[in-house]
Amino acid sequence: MRFLPALISSALILAASSAFAESRVFIIANQAVDHCLAKGDKCGASAARTYCQSREFAQASAYRRVDPDEITGSVPKSGTNCSHGHCDEYVAITCQR
């Protein structure tokens, strides 16, 4: 009879720990992920995962193109302050531990 409450408690603890998994969104400009997304190539998932792993995260749970208007703060615009001409292309990668 004590087995059922212990099983339920264990399941709740497991569910709570996964719900609190650390995740972080990185905004990057003109990287390999951006080119893969722009072309619709499958390399986007692999590049996003590699990016997350390089920052000591286990996996990339999502990645997408981001409009510069969605980013709070200062971002360079194409023109005089932009050295490579693609300052308006951004990708958001969500990484999880």
N, C-alpha and C. Protein backbone atom coordinates (compact mmCIF):
# COMPACT_ATOMS: atom_id res chain seq x y z
N MET A 1 0.81 -1.20 0.00
CA MET A 1 0.00 0.00 0.00
C MET A 1 0.86 1.26 0.00
N ARG A 2 2.04 1.18 0.61
CA ARG A 2 2.93 2.34 0.63
C ARG A 2 3.64 2.55 -0.70
N PHE A 3 3.62 1.56 -1.53
CA PHE A 3 4.29 1.64 -2.82
C PHE A 3 3.64 2.69 -3.72
N LEU A 4 2.33 2.75 -3.74
CA LEU A 4 1.62 3.70 -4.62
C LEU A 4 1.93 5.16 -4.26
N PRO A 5 1.84 5.58 -2.98
CA PRO A 5 2.20 6.97 -2.67
C PRO A 5 3.66 7.29 -3.00
N ALA A 6 4.55 6.34 -2.78
CA ALA A 6 5.96 6.57 -3.10
C ALA A 6 6.15 6.73 -4.61
N LEU A 7 5.43 5.94 -5.37
CA LEU A 7 5.52 6.03 -6.83
C LEU A 7 4.98 7.37 -7.32
N ILE A 8 3.87 7.79 -6.75
CA ILE A 8 3.27 9.08 -7.15
C ILE A 8 4.20 10.23 -6.76
N SER A 9 4.79 10.17 -5.57
CA SER A 9 5.72 11.22 -5.14
C SER A 9 6.93 11.29 -6.07
N SER A 10 7.46 10.15 -6.44
CA SER A 10 8.61 10.11 -7.34
C SER A 10 8.25 10.70 -8.70
N ALA A 11 7.08 10.37 -9.19
CA ALA A 11 6.65 10.91 -10.49
C ALA A 11 6.49 12.42 -10.43
N LEU A 12 5.96 12.93 -9.35
CA LEU A 12 5.79 14.38 -9.20
C LEU A 12 7.13 15.10 -9.11
N ILE A 13 8.06 14.51 -8.40
CA ILE A 13 9.39 15.12 -8.29
C ILE A 13 10.08 15.14 -9.64
N LEU A 14 9.96 14.05 -10.37
CA LEU A 14 10.55 13.98 -11.71
C LEU A 14 9.93 15.01 -12.64
N ALA A 15 8.63 15.14 -12.59
CA ALA A 15 7.93 16.11 -13.44
C ALA A 15 8.33 17.53 -13.06
N ALA A 16 8.46 17.80 -11.79
CA ALA A 16 8.84 19.14 -11.34
C ALA A 16 10.26 19.48 -11.75
N SER A 17 11.16 18.52 -11.66
CA SER A 17 12.54 18.80 -12.03
C SER A 17 12.67 19.08 -13.53
N SER A 18 11.92 18.39 -14.36
CA SER A 18 11.99 18.66 -15.80
C SER A 18 11.30 19.97 -16.14
N ALA A 19 10.31 20.37 -15.36
CA ALA A 19 9.63 21.63 -15.60
C ALA A 19 10.55 22.81 -15.29
N PHE A 20 11.51 22.60 -14.39
CA PHE A 20 12.44 23.65 -14.01
C PHE A 20 13.77 23.54 -14.73
N ALA A 21 13.82 22.79 -15.81
CA ALA A 21 15.05 22.67 -16.59
C ALA A 21 15.45 24.05 -17.08
N GLU A 22 16.72 24.34 -16.95
CA GLU A 22 17.20 25.66 -17.33
C GLU A 22 17.22 25.81 -18.84
N SER A 23 16.66 26.89 -19.30
CA SER A 23 16.71 27.19 -20.73
C SER A 23 17.07 28.66 -20.91
N ARG A 24 17.67 28.95 -22.05
CA ARG A 24 18.09 30.32 -22.33
C ARG A 24 17.97 30.57 -23.82
N VAL A 25 17.56 31.77 -24.18
CA VAL A 25 17.43 32.15 -25.58
C VAL A 25 18.61 33.03 -25.95
N PHE A 26 19.32 32.64 -27.00
CA PHE A 26 20.44 33.41 -27.52
C PHE A 26 20.01 34.04 -28.84
N ILE A 27 20.30 35.31 -29.02
CA ILE A 27 20.05 36.01 -30.28
C ILE A 27 21.40 36.16 -30.95
N ILE A 28 21.53 35.61 -32.15
CA ILE A 28 22.80 35.69 -32.87
C ILE A 28 22.57 36.29 -34.25
N ALA A 29 23.61 36.88 -34.77
CA ALA A 29 23.52 37.52 -36.08
C ALA A 29 24.49 36.86 -37.06
N ASN A 30 24.00 36.62 -38.27
CA ASN A 30 24.83 36.19 -39.39
C ASN A 30 25.72 34.99 -39.06
N GLN A 31 25.17 33.96 -38.47
CA GLN A 31 25.90 32.73 -38.15
C GLN A 31 25.46 31.63 -39.10
N ALA A 32 26.03 30.45 -38.95
CA ALA A 32 25.68 29.32 -39.81
C ALA A 32 24.20 28.97 -39.70
N VAL A 33 23.64 29.11 -38.52
CA VAL A 33 22.21 28.80 -38.34
C VAL A 33 21.37 29.73 -39.21
N ASP A 34 21.76 31.00 -39.27
CA ASP A 34 21.00 31.97 -40.04
C ASP A 34 20.98 31.58 -41.52
N HIS A 35 22.10 31.17 -42.07
CA HIS A 35 22.15 30.77 -43.47
C HIS A 35 21.31 29.53 -43.73
N CYS A 36 21.37 28.58 -42.82
CA CYS A 36 20.59 27.35 -42.98
C CYS A 36 19.09 27.63 -42.94
N LEU A 37 18.68 28.51 -42.03
CA LEU A 37 17.26 28.85 -41.95
C LEU A 37 16.80 29.63 -43.16
N ALA A 38 17.65 30.51 -43.64
CA ALA A 38 17.30 31.34 -44.79
C ALA A 38 17.06 30.49 -46.02
N LYS A 39 17.84 29.44 -46.17
CA LYS A 39 17.71 28.56 -47.33
C LYS A 39 16.71 27.42 -47.09
N GLY A 40 16.31 27.21 -45.85
CA GLY A 40 15.42 26.10 -45.53
C GLY A 40 16.14 24.76 -45.47
N ASP A 41 17.47 24.79 -45.32
CA ASP A 41 18.25 23.56 -45.26
C ASP A 41 18.09 22.87 -43.91
N LYS A 42 18.38 21.57 -43.89
CA LYS A 42 18.28 20.80 -42.65
C LYS A 42 19.43 21.06 -41.69
N CYS A 43 20.46 21.77 -42.14
CA CYS A 43 21.62 22.01 -41.28
C CYS A 43 21.29 22.93 -40.11
N GLY A 44 20.17 23.57 -40.11
CA GLY A 44 19.81 24.47 -39.02
C GLY A 44 19.76 23.80 -37.67
N ALA A 45 19.18 22.60 -37.59
CA ALA A 45 19.07 21.89 -36.31
C ALA A 45 20.45 21.51 -35.78
N SER A 46 21.30 21.02 -36.65
CA SER A 46 22.64 20.61 -36.23
C SER A 46 23.46 21.83 -35.80
N ALA A 47 23.36 22.91 -36.53
CA ALA A 47 24.11 24.12 -36.18
C ALA A 47 23.60 24.71 -34.86
N ALA A 48 22.29 24.69 -34.63
CA ALA A 48 21.73 25.20 -33.38
C ALA A 48 22.19 24.34 -32.20
N ARG A 49 22.18 23.02 -32.37
CA ARG A 49 22.63 22.12 -31.31
C ARG A 49 24.11 22.37 -30.99
N THR A 50 24.93 22.52 -32.02
CA THR A 50 26.35 22.79 -31.83
C THR A 50 26.56 24.12 -31.10
N TYR A 51 25.78 25.12 -31.47
CA TYR A 51 25.87 26.42 -30.80
C TYR A 51 25.56 26.28 -29.32
N CYS A 52 24.49 25.55 -28.98
CA CYS A 52 24.12 25.35 -27.58
C CYS A 52 25.20 24.58 -26.82
N GLN A 53 25.72 23.53 -27.44
CA GLN A 53 26.75 22.73 -26.78
C GLN A 53 28.02 23.54 -26.55
N SER A 54 28.32 24.48 -27.42
CA SER A 54 29.50 25.31 -27.24
C SER A 54 29.35 26.26 -26.04
N ARG A 55 28.12 26.43 -25.58
CA ARG A 55 27.85 27.26 -24.41
C ARG A 55 27.42 26.41 -23.21
N GLU A 56 27.80 25.14 -23.24
CA GLU A 56 27.59 24.18 -22.16
C GLU A 56 26.11 23.90 -21.88
N PHE A 57 25.31 23.90 -22.93
CA PHE A 57 23.92 23.45 -22.84
C PHE A 57 23.84 22.12 -23.57
N ALA A 58 22.86 21.31 -23.22
CA ALA A 58 22.76 19.96 -23.78
C ALA A 58 22.16 19.94 -25.18
N GLN A 59 21.17 20.77 -25.42
CA GLN A 59 20.45 20.69 -26.69
C GLN A 59 19.81 22.02 -27.07
N ALA A 60 19.44 22.11 -28.34
CA ALA A 60 18.67 23.25 -28.83
C ALA A 60 17.22 22.79 -28.94
N SER A 61 16.34 23.43 -28.19
CA SER A 61 14.94 23.01 -28.23
C SER A 61 14.16 23.75 -29.32
N ALA A 62 14.69 24.89 -29.78
CA ALA A 62 14.02 25.65 -30.84
C ALA A 62 14.99 26.63 -31.46
N TYR A 63 14.73 26.99 -32.70
CA TYR A 63 15.48 28.05 -33.37
C TYR A 63 14.59 28.63 -34.46
N ARG A 64 14.73 29.95 -34.67
CA ARG A 64 13.91 30.62 -35.67
C ARG A 64 14.52 31.95 -36.03
N ARG A 65 14.14 32.45 -37.20
CA ARG A 65 14.55 33.80 -37.61
C ARG A 65 13.81 34.82 -36.75
N VAL A 66 14.47 35.92 -36.46
CA VAL A 66 13.91 36.96 -35.62
C VAL A 66 14.00 38.29 -36.36
N ASP A 67 12.92 39.03 -36.35
CA ASP A 67 12.92 40.37 -36.93
C ASP A 67 13.62 41.32 -35.95
N PRO A 68 14.45 42.24 -36.43
CA PRO A 68 15.14 43.17 -35.52
C PRO A 68 14.18 43.95 -34.60
N ASP A 69 12.96 44.17 -35.04
CA ASP A 69 11.99 44.89 -34.20
C ASP A 69 11.57 44.07 -32.98
N GLU A 70 11.78 42.74 -32.99
CA GLU A 70 11.44 41.90 -31.85
C GLU A 70 12.48 41.95 -30.75
N ILE A 71 13.66 42.49 -31.06
CA ILE A 71 14.77 42.49 -30.12
C ILE A 71 14.76 43.79 -29.34
N THR A 72 14.77 43.67 -28.01
CA THR A 72 14.85 44.87 -27.18
C THR A 72 16.30 45.30 -27.08
N GLY A 73 16.53 46.58 -26.97
CA GLY A 73 17.90 47.08 -26.89
C GLY A 73 18.38 47.57 -28.23
N SER A 74 19.66 47.82 -28.29
CA SER A 74 20.25 48.38 -29.49
C SER A 74 20.85 47.30 -30.37
N VAL A 75 20.45 47.27 -31.62
CA VAL A 75 21.04 46.36 -32.61
C VAL A 75 21.46 47.19 -33.80
N PRO A 76 22.61 46.86 -34.39
CA PRO A 76 23.07 47.64 -35.55
C PRO A 76 22.17 47.40 -36.75
N LYS A 77 21.97 48.42 -37.54
CA LYS A 77 21.21 48.34 -38.78
C LYS A 77 22.17 48.29 -39.95
N SER A 78 21.72 47.74 -41.05
CA SER A 78 22.56 47.74 -42.25
C SER A 78 22.84 49.19 -42.65
N GLY A 79 24.07 49.46 -42.98
CA GLY A 79 24.43 50.82 -43.37
C GLY A 79 25.79 51.21 -42.83
N THR A 80 25.89 52.40 -42.29
CA THR A 80 27.19 52.93 -41.89
C THR A 80 27.83 52.19 -40.73
N ASN A 81 27.07 51.70 -39.78
CA ASN A 81 27.63 51.01 -38.62
C ASN A 81 27.72 49.50 -38.82
N CYS A 82 27.39 49.02 -39.97
CA CYS A 82 27.35 47.59 -40.24
C CYS A 82 28.47 47.24 -41.20
N SER A 83 29.42 46.41 -40.74
CA SER A 83 30.59 46.13 -41.57
C SER A 83 30.35 45.03 -42.61
N HIS A 84 29.40 44.12 -42.36
CA HIS A 84 29.23 42.99 -43.27
C HIS A 84 27.95 43.05 -44.09
N GLY A 85 27.10 44.03 -43.88
CA GLY A 85 25.93 44.22 -44.72
C GLY A 85 24.73 43.35 -44.41
N HIS A 86 24.78 42.54 -43.35
CA HIS A 86 23.64 41.68 -42.99
C HIS A 86 23.24 41.90 -41.53
N CYS A 87 23.28 43.12 -41.08
CA CYS A 87 23.01 43.42 -39.67
C CYS A 87 21.54 43.32 -39.32
N ASP A 88 20.68 43.10 -40.29
CA ASP A 88 19.25 42.98 -39.99
C ASP A 88 18.80 41.52 -40.01
N GLU A 89 19.73 40.57 -40.02
CA GLU A 89 19.39 39.14 -40.02
C GLU A 89 19.78 38.53 -38.68
N TYR A 90 18.78 38.04 -37.94
CA TYR A 90 19.01 37.47 -36.61
C TYR A 90 18.30 36.14 -36.48
N VAL A 91 18.84 35.29 -35.60
CA VAL A 91 18.25 34.01 -35.28
C VAL A 91 18.18 33.88 -33.77
N ALA A 92 17.06 33.39 -33.25
CA ALA A 92 16.92 33.09 -31.83
C ALA A 92 17.06 31.58 -31.66
N ILE A 93 17.95 31.17 -30.77
CA ILE A 93 18.15 29.76 -30.47
C ILE A 93 17.83 29.55 -29.00
N THR A 94 16.91 28.65 -28.69
CA THR A 94 16.58 28.32 -27.32
C THR A 94 17.37 27.06 -26.95
N CYS A 95 18.23 27.20 -25.94
CA CYS A 95 19.06 26.09 -25.48
C CYS A 95 18.57 25.61 -24.11
N GLN A 96 18.70 24.31 -23.88
CA GLN A 96 18.30 23.71 -22.60
C GLN A 96 19.44 22.89 -22.03
N ARG A 97 19.54 22.89 -20.71
CA ARG A 97 20.54 22.06 -20.01
C ARG A 97 20.02 20.66 -19.84
